[in-house]
Amino acid sequence: MYTSVERPFTPVALTAATAESFALLSLAAQLTTDKVYTEHGRAGLTLVRGEALTLVLTAVHAGKASDVITTEGPTALIILSGSLTLILEETADRILLDSGTMATLAPQLRHTVEAHTESVFLTVIGEQPELRALASEAAGRS
């Protein structure tokens, strides 16, 4: 089980034999002590990175917002603690998300996330065709 953040952190690579667990709230508490968090008000940690699944844990200070993000694949934001607003760039729709809620986003959707309180969320990104293409290209060079 991953219970601590040690930089540089190498995301778990999914293989046929991969089975890992993560103490999300413990990891998030450590993120809030990161230099990046204290300087910029947010910090993230990619826990798992693969062509079919990417998991990113993010801690955000109250009042801070992300840069504009474009989803790489089908995405879910799962709010573990706090309260934030998901703002869709194209429509300017604002979706309030509190602890225990989730939002789903289609691929290539531009959005920002704005925290109302100290917040932690898990981003789950599904199949990412560009990563699959890179993996195929790398395999072809081997």
N, C-alpha and C. Protein backbone atom coordinates (compact mmCIF):
# COMPACT_ATOMS: atom_id res chain seq x y z
N MET A 1 0.85 -1.18 0.00
CA MET A 1 0.00 0.00 0.00
C MET A 1 0.89 1.23 0.00
N TYR A 2 0.55 2.17 -0.86
CA TYR A 2 1.25 3.45 -0.88
C TYR A 2 0.64 4.36 0.18
N THR A 3 1.45 4.74 1.16
CA THR A 3 0.95 5.58 2.25
C THR A 3 1.72 6.89 2.37
N SER A 4 2.81 7.03 1.59
CA SER A 4 3.58 8.27 1.68
C SER A 4 4.05 8.72 0.31
N VAL A 5 4.29 10.01 0.22
CA VAL A 5 4.76 10.64 -1.02
C VAL A 5 6.26 10.86 -0.88
N GLU A 6 7.00 10.27 -1.77
CA GLU A 6 8.43 10.52 -1.83
C GLU A 6 8.73 10.99 -3.24
N ARG A 7 9.30 12.19 -3.36
CA ARG A 7 9.60 12.75 -4.68
C ARG A 7 11.00 12.34 -5.10
N PRO A 8 11.27 12.03 -6.34
CA PRO A 8 10.25 11.93 -7.38
C PRO A 8 9.43 10.65 -7.20
N PHE A 9 8.14 10.78 -7.42
CA PHE A 9 7.22 9.65 -7.30
C PHE A 9 7.03 9.06 -8.69
N THR A 10 7.20 7.78 -8.80
CA THR A 10 6.99 7.10 -10.07
C THR A 10 5.61 6.47 -10.06
N PRO A 11 4.75 6.88 -11.00
CA PRO A 11 3.41 6.28 -11.04
C PRO A 11 3.48 4.77 -11.26
N VAL A 12 2.50 4.08 -10.73
CA VAL A 12 2.39 2.65 -10.92
C VAL A 12 2.07 2.38 -12.39
N ALA A 13 2.80 1.47 -12.99
CA ALA A 13 2.53 1.04 -14.36
C ALA A 13 1.64 -0.20 -14.28
N LEU A 14 0.53 -0.15 -14.98
CA LEU A 14 -0.38 -1.29 -14.96
C LEU A 14 0.13 -2.40 -15.86
N THR A 15 0.22 -3.57 -15.30
CA THR A 15 0.58 -4.76 -16.06
C THR A 15 -0.46 -5.83 -15.75
N ALA A 16 -0.31 -6.98 -16.36
CA ALA A 16 -1.25 -8.07 -16.11
C ALA A 16 -1.24 -8.53 -14.66
N ALA A 17 -0.16 -8.25 -13.94
CA ALA A 17 -0.05 -8.72 -12.55
C ALA A 17 -0.14 -7.58 -11.53
N THR A 18 -0.54 -6.37 -11.97
CA THR A 18 -0.57 -5.23 -11.06
C THR A 18 -1.78 -5.24 -10.15
N ALA A 19 -1.53 -5.09 -8.86
CA ALA A 19 -2.59 -4.88 -7.87
C ALA A 19 -1.97 -4.01 -6.78
N GLU A 20 -2.38 -2.76 -6.71
CA GLU A 20 -1.82 -1.81 -5.74
C GLU A 20 -2.95 -1.14 -4.99
N SER A 21 -2.63 -0.64 -3.80
CA SER A 21 -3.60 0.14 -3.05
C SER A 21 -2.94 1.45 -2.61
N PHE A 22 -3.76 2.45 -2.36
CA PHE A 22 -3.28 3.78 -2.03
C PHE A 22 -4.09 4.33 -0.85
N ALA A 23 -3.42 4.89 0.12
CA ALA A 23 -4.07 5.57 1.24
C ALA A 23 -4.30 7.02 0.79
N LEU A 24 -5.41 7.25 0.09
CA LEU A 24 -5.63 8.53 -0.59
C LEU A 24 -5.61 9.74 0.35
N LEU A 25 -6.31 9.66 1.46
CA LEU A 25 -6.36 10.83 2.35
C LEU A 25 -5.02 11.09 3.02
N SER A 26 -4.29 10.05 3.32
CA SER A 26 -2.94 10.21 3.87
C SER A 26 -2.02 10.85 2.84
N LEU A 27 -2.08 10.38 1.61
CA LEU A 27 -1.28 10.95 0.54
C LEU A 27 -1.66 12.42 0.29
N ALA A 28 -2.96 12.71 0.34
CA ALA A 28 -3.43 14.08 0.13
C ALA A 28 -2.92 15.00 1.24
N ALA A 29 -2.94 14.53 2.48
CA ALA A 29 -2.43 15.34 3.59
C ALA A 29 -0.97 15.68 3.37
N GLN A 30 -0.22 14.73 2.84
CA GLN A 30 1.19 14.99 2.55
C GLN A 30 1.36 15.98 1.40
N LEU A 31 0.46 15.91 0.42
CA LEU A 31 0.53 16.86 -0.69
C LEU A 31 0.40 18.30 -0.21
N THR A 32 -0.40 18.51 0.83
CA THR A 32 -0.60 19.89 1.33
C THR A 32 0.65 20.44 2.01
N THR A 33 1.64 19.60 2.24
CA THR A 33 2.91 20.08 2.80
C THR A 33 3.98 20.22 1.71
N ASP A 34 3.65 19.83 0.49
CA ASP A 34 4.57 19.97 -0.65
C ASP A 34 4.90 21.43 -0.90
N LYS A 35 6.11 21.68 -1.35
CA LYS A 35 6.53 23.04 -1.71
C LYS A 35 5.62 23.63 -2.79
N VAL A 36 5.25 22.80 -3.76
CA VAL A 36 4.37 23.25 -4.85
C VAL A 36 3.04 23.73 -4.28
N TYR A 37 2.48 22.99 -3.31
CA TYR A 37 1.20 23.37 -2.71
C TYR A 37 1.33 24.69 -1.96
N THR A 38 2.38 24.83 -1.16
CA THR A 38 2.52 26.06 -0.38
C THR A 38 2.78 27.27 -1.27
N GLU A 39 3.45 27.07 -2.41
CA GLU A 39 3.73 28.18 -3.32
C GLU A 39 2.59 28.49 -4.29
N HIS A 40 1.88 27.46 -4.74
CA HIS A 40 0.87 27.66 -5.79
C HIS A 40 -0.56 27.33 -5.37
N GLY A 41 -0.73 26.76 -4.19
CA GLY A 41 -2.07 26.48 -3.70
C GLY A 41 -2.69 25.21 -4.23
N ARG A 42 -1.91 24.42 -4.94
CA ARG A 42 -2.41 23.13 -5.41
C ARG A 42 -1.23 22.22 -5.71
N ALA A 43 -1.46 20.93 -5.53
CA ALA A 43 -0.43 19.94 -5.83
C ALA A 43 -1.11 18.67 -6.26
N GLY A 44 -0.49 17.99 -7.21
CA GLY A 44 -1.05 16.74 -7.70
C GLY A 44 -0.01 15.64 -7.70
N LEU A 45 -0.51 14.44 -7.72
CA LEU A 45 0.35 13.27 -7.74
C LEU A 45 -0.28 12.24 -8.66
N THR A 46 0.40 11.89 -9.75
CA THR A 46 -0.09 10.84 -10.63
C THR A 46 0.23 9.51 -9.99
N LEU A 47 -0.81 8.80 -9.59
CA LEU A 47 -0.64 7.52 -8.89
C LEU A 47 -0.44 6.37 -9.86
N VAL A 48 -1.23 6.39 -10.94
CA VAL A 48 -1.19 5.33 -11.95
C VAL A 48 -1.19 6.01 -13.30
N ARG A 49 -0.36 5.51 -14.22
CA ARG A 49 -0.33 6.10 -15.56
C ARG A 49 -0.26 4.97 -16.57
N GLY A 50 -1.25 4.92 -17.44
CA GLY A 50 -1.29 3.90 -18.49
C GLY A 50 -2.18 4.36 -19.62
N GLU A 51 -2.14 3.63 -20.72
CA GLU A 51 -2.94 4.03 -21.88
C GLU A 51 -4.44 3.84 -21.65
N ALA A 52 -4.80 2.95 -20.73
CA ALA A 52 -6.21 2.69 -20.48
C ALA A 52 -6.72 3.32 -19.18
N LEU A 53 -5.80 3.71 -18.28
CA LEU A 53 -6.22 4.27 -17.00
C LEU A 53 -5.12 5.14 -16.41
N THR A 54 -5.50 6.35 -16.03
CA THR A 54 -4.61 7.24 -15.30
C THR A 54 -5.36 7.74 -14.08
N LEU A 55 -4.68 7.75 -12.91
CA LEU A 55 -5.27 8.25 -11.67
C LEU A 55 -4.39 9.36 -11.13
N VAL A 56 -5.00 10.51 -10.86
CA VAL A 56 -4.26 11.66 -10.34
C VAL A 56 -4.96 12.15 -9.08
N LEU A 57 -4.21 12.23 -7.99
CA LEU A 57 -4.72 12.76 -6.73
C LEU A 57 -4.31 14.23 -6.65
N THR A 58 -5.27 15.11 -6.35
CA THR A 58 -5.00 16.54 -6.32
C THR A 58 -5.53 17.16 -5.03
N ALA A 59 -4.71 18.01 -4.42
CA ALA A 59 -5.11 18.81 -3.26
C ALA A 59 -5.09 20.27 -3.70
N VAL A 60 -6.17 21.01 -3.35
CA VAL A 60 -6.28 22.40 -3.77
C VAL A 60 -6.65 23.26 -2.57
N HIS A 61 -5.95 24.38 -2.41
CA HIS A 61 -6.21 25.33 -1.33
C HIS A 61 -7.49 26.13 -1.64
N ALA A 62 -8.23 26.47 -0.62
CA ALA A 62 -9.45 27.27 -0.79
C ALA A 62 -9.15 28.54 -1.59
N GLY A 63 -10.00 28.81 -2.57
CA GLY A 63 -9.87 30.02 -3.37
C GLY A 63 -8.97 29.87 -4.59
N LYS A 64 -8.32 28.74 -4.74
CA LYS A 64 -7.43 28.53 -5.89
C LYS A 64 -8.17 27.82 -7.01
N ALA A 65 -7.71 28.06 -8.23
CA ALA A 65 -8.30 27.43 -9.41
C ALA A 65 -7.20 26.81 -10.24
N SER A 66 -7.56 25.81 -11.00
CA SER A 66 -6.60 25.17 -11.91
C SER A 66 -6.46 26.02 -13.16
N ASP A 67 -5.44 25.73 -13.94
CA ASP A 67 -5.36 26.27 -15.28
C ASP A 67 -6.45 25.57 -16.09
N VAL A 68 -6.68 26.02 -17.31
CA VAL A 68 -7.64 25.33 -18.18
C VAL A 68 -7.04 23.97 -18.54
N ILE A 69 -7.85 22.94 -18.36
CA ILE A 69 -7.43 21.56 -18.60
C ILE A 69 -8.30 20.99 -19.72
N THR A 70 -7.69 20.23 -20.61
CA THR A 70 -8.45 19.50 -21.63
C THR A 70 -8.35 18.03 -21.28
N THR A 71 -9.49 17.37 -21.12
CA THR A 71 -9.49 15.96 -20.77
C THR A 71 -8.83 15.15 -21.88
N GLU A 72 -7.99 14.20 -21.48
CA GLU A 72 -7.28 13.36 -22.45
C GLU A 72 -8.13 12.18 -22.90
N GLY A 73 -9.03 11.76 -22.06
CA GLY A 73 -9.91 10.63 -22.34
C GLY A 73 -11.15 10.82 -21.50
N PRO A 74 -12.07 9.87 -21.48
CA PRO A 74 -13.23 9.98 -20.61
C PRO A 74 -12.73 10.13 -19.17
N THR A 75 -13.29 11.07 -18.44
CA THR A 75 -12.75 11.44 -17.13
C THR A 75 -13.82 11.51 -16.07
N ALA A 76 -13.45 11.12 -14.87
CA ALA A 76 -14.32 11.29 -13.70
C ALA A 76 -13.53 12.05 -12.63
N LEU A 77 -14.17 13.02 -12.01
CA LEU A 77 -13.61 13.73 -10.86
C LEU A 77 -14.39 13.26 -9.64
N ILE A 78 -13.69 12.66 -8.69
CA ILE A 78 -14.31 12.14 -7.48
C ILE A 78 -13.83 13.00 -6.32
N ILE A 79 -14.75 13.71 -5.67
CA ILE A 79 -14.40 14.63 -4.60
C ILE A 79 -14.30 13.84 -3.30
N LEU A 80 -13.09 13.81 -2.74
CA LEU A 80 -12.85 13.07 -1.50
C LEU A 80 -13.11 13.94 -0.28
N SER A 81 -12.82 15.23 -0.39
CA SER A 81 -13.11 16.16 0.71
C SER A 81 -13.19 17.58 0.14
N GLY A 82 -13.94 18.43 0.84
CA GLY A 82 -14.03 19.82 0.43
C GLY A 82 -15.18 20.11 -0.50
N SER A 83 -15.08 21.26 -1.14
CA SER A 83 -16.12 21.74 -2.04
C SER A 83 -15.45 22.52 -3.16
N LEU A 84 -15.85 22.22 -4.39
CA LEU A 84 -15.28 22.94 -5.53
C LEU A 84 -16.30 23.07 -6.63
N THR A 85 -15.96 23.91 -7.60
CA THR A 85 -16.81 24.09 -8.77
C THR A 85 -16.05 23.67 -10.01
N LEU A 86 -16.69 22.88 -10.83
CA LEU A 86 -16.17 22.48 -12.12
C LEU A 86 -16.77 23.44 -13.13
N ILE A 87 -15.93 24.13 -13.89
CA ILE A 87 -16.40 25.14 -14.85
C ILE A 87 -16.06 24.66 -16.25
N LEU A 88 -17.08 24.47 -17.07
CA LEU A 88 -16.89 24.01 -18.45
C LEU A 88 -16.62 25.22 -19.33
N GLU A 89 -15.50 25.22 -20.02
CA GLU A 89 -15.08 26.36 -20.82
C GLU A 89 -16.04 26.71 -21.96
N GLU A 90 -16.47 25.70 -22.70
CA GLU A 90 -17.29 25.96 -23.89
C GLU A 90 -18.65 26.55 -23.56
N THR A 91 -19.28 26.05 -22.50
CA THR A 91 -20.64 26.49 -22.17
C THR A 91 -20.70 27.42 -20.97
N ALA A 92 -19.61 27.53 -20.22
CA ALA A 92 -19.54 28.31 -18.98
C ALA A 92 -20.44 27.71 -17.89
N ASP A 93 -20.90 26.47 -18.09
CA ASP A 93 -21.67 25.80 -17.05
C ASP A 93 -20.80 25.63 -15.82
N ARG A 94 -21.43 25.76 -14.66
CA ARG A 94 -20.74 25.63 -13.38
C ARG A 94 -21.42 24.51 -12.60
N ILE A 95 -20.64 23.51 -12.21
CA ILE A 95 -21.18 22.36 -11.48
C ILE A 95 -20.54 22.33 -10.10
N LEU A 96 -21.37 22.50 -9.06
CA LEU A 96 -20.88 22.46 -7.70
C LEU A 96 -20.70 21.02 -7.27
N LEU A 97 -19.53 20.71 -6.72
CA LEU A 97 -19.22 19.36 -6.27
C LEU A 97 -18.74 19.42 -4.83
N ASP A 98 -19.37 18.64 -3.97
CA ASP A 98 -18.99 18.55 -2.57
C ASP A 98 -18.42 17.18 -2.29
N SER A 99 -17.84 17.02 -1.11
CA SER A 99 -17.28 15.76 -0.68
C SER A 99 -18.28 14.62 -0.93
N GLY A 100 -17.78 13.55 -1.54
CA GLY A 100 -18.64 12.40 -1.80
C GLY A 100 -19.38 12.45 -3.11
N THR A 101 -19.15 13.49 -3.92
CA THR A 101 -19.82 13.57 -5.22
C THR A 101 -18.81 13.33 -6.34
N MET A 102 -19.34 13.16 -7.55
CA MET A 102 -18.50 12.87 -8.70
C MET A 102 -19.10 13.53 -9.93
N ALA A 103 -18.23 13.92 -10.85
CA ALA A 103 -18.67 14.43 -12.15
C ALA A 103 -17.92 13.65 -13.22
N THR A 104 -18.58 13.46 -14.36
CA THR A 104 -17.94 12.79 -15.48
C THR A 104 -17.81 13.79 -16.63
N LEU A 105 -16.74 13.63 -17.39
CA LEU A 105 -16.45 14.53 -18.51
C LEU A 105 -16.10 13.72 -19.75
N ALA A 106 -16.58 14.18 -20.88
CA ALA A 106 -16.25 13.54 -22.16
C ALA A 106 -14.81 13.88 -22.55
N PRO A 107 -14.20 13.06 -23.41
CA PRO A 107 -12.85 13.38 -23.90
C PRO A 107 -12.83 14.74 -24.60
N GLN A 108 -11.69 15.40 -24.49
CA GLN A 108 -11.42 16.68 -25.15
C GLN A 108 -12.25 17.85 -24.63
N LEU A 109 -12.80 17.72 -23.42
CA LEU A 109 -13.61 18.79 -22.82
C LEU A 109 -12.71 19.71 -22.01
N ARG A 110 -12.75 21.01 -22.34
CA ARG A 110 -11.92 22.00 -21.63
C ARG A 110 -12.68 22.47 -20.39
N HIS A 111 -11.94 22.53 -19.26
CA HIS A 111 -12.58 22.89 -18.01
C HIS A 111 -11.55 23.45 -17.02
N THR A 112 -12.05 24.07 -15.97
CA THR A 112 -11.23 24.47 -14.84
C THR A 112 -11.91 23.97 -13.57
N VAL A 113 -11.13 23.90 -12.50
CA VAL A 113 -11.63 23.48 -11.21
C VAL A 113 -11.26 24.57 -10.22
N GLU A 114 -12.26 25.05 -9.48
CA GLU A 114 -12.06 26.14 -8.51
C GLU A 114 -12.49 25.66 -7.13
N ALA A 115 -11.59 25.72 -6.16
CA ALA A 115 -11.88 25.23 -4.80
C ALA A 115 -12.52 26.32 -3.94
N HIS A 116 -13.58 25.95 -3.25
CA HIS A 116 -14.23 26.87 -2.30
C HIS A 116 -13.65 26.68 -0.90
N THR A 117 -13.27 25.45 -0.60
CA THR A 117 -12.66 25.10 0.68
C THR A 117 -11.43 24.26 0.37
N GLU A 118 -10.64 23.94 1.38
CA GLU A 118 -9.53 23.01 1.17
C GLU A 118 -10.15 21.75 0.59
N SER A 119 -9.67 21.32 -0.56
CA SER A 119 -10.32 20.21 -1.26
C SER A 119 -9.32 19.19 -1.77
N VAL A 120 -9.79 17.96 -1.84
CA VAL A 120 -9.01 16.86 -2.40
C VAL A 120 -9.91 16.10 -3.35
N PHE A 121 -9.38 15.81 -4.55
CA PHE A 121 -10.16 15.01 -5.49
C PHE A 121 -9.26 14.06 -6.25
N LEU A 122 -9.89 12.99 -6.72
CA LEU A 122 -9.21 11.99 -7.53
C LEU A 122 -9.73 12.12 -8.95
N THR A 123 -8.81 12.26 -9.89
CA THR A 123 -9.17 12.30 -11.30
C THR A 123 -8.89 10.92 -11.89
N VAL A 124 -9.91 10.36 -12.50
CA VAL A 124 -9.80 9.05 -13.14
C VAL A 124 -9.97 9.28 -14.65
N ILE A 125 -8.91 8.99 -15.40
CA ILE A 125 -8.93 9.21 -16.84
C ILE A 125 -8.90 7.84 -17.52
N GLY A 126 -9.91 7.61 -18.36
CA GLY A 126 -10.01 6.34 -19.07
C GLY A 126 -9.11 6.31 -20.29
N GLU A 127 -9.39 5.40 -21.18
CA GLU A 127 -8.54 5.15 -22.34
C GLU A 127 -8.14 6.43 -23.05
N GLN A 128 -6.83 6.52 -23.31
CA GLN A 128 -6.25 7.71 -23.94
C GLN A 128 -5.58 7.30 -25.25
N PRO A 129 -6.26 7.51 -26.37
CA PRO A 129 -5.75 7.03 -27.66
C PRO A 129 -4.32 7.50 -27.96
N GLU A 130 -3.96 8.73 -27.55
CA GLU A 130 -2.61 9.21 -27.87
C GLU A 130 -1.54 8.42 -27.12
N LEU A 131 -1.84 7.95 -25.90
CA LEU A 131 -0.88 7.11 -25.18
C LEU A 131 -0.78 5.74 -25.82
N ARG A 132 -1.90 5.22 -26.30
CA ARG A 132 -1.89 3.92 -26.99
C ARG A 132 -1.03 4.03 -28.25
N ALA A 133 -1.16 5.14 -28.98
CA ALA A 133 -0.37 5.34 -30.20
C ALA A 133 1.11 5.44 -29.86
N LEU A 134 1.47 6.15 -28.80
CA LEU A 134 2.87 6.26 -28.39
C LEU A 134 3.43 4.90 -28.00
N ALA A 135 2.65 4.11 -27.28
CA ALA A 135 3.09 2.77 -26.86
C ALA A 135 3.31 1.89 -28.09
N SER A 136 2.41 1.96 -29.07
CA SER A 136 2.56 1.17 -30.29
C SER A 136 3.79 1.60 -31.07
N GLU A 137 4.00 2.91 -31.16
CA GLU A 137 5.15 3.45 -31.85
C GLU A 137 6.46 2.99 -31.18
N ALA A 138 6.49 3.05 -29.85
CA ALA A 138 7.69 2.62 -29.10
C ALA A 138 7.93 1.13 -29.30
N ALA A 139 6.87 0.34 -29.31
CA ALA A 139 7.01 -1.11 -29.51
C ALA A 139 7.54 -1.41 -30.92
N GLY A 140 7.15 -0.60 -31.88
CA GLY A 140 7.61 -0.78 -33.26
C GLY A 140 9.09 -0.48 -33.42
N ARG A 141 9.64 0.38 -32.57
CA ARG A 141 11.06 0.72 -32.62
C ARG A 141 11.93 -0.32 -31.92
N SER A 142 11.31 -1.15 -31.10
CA SER A 142 12.09 -2.14 -30.33
C SER A 142 12.52 -3.30 -31.17
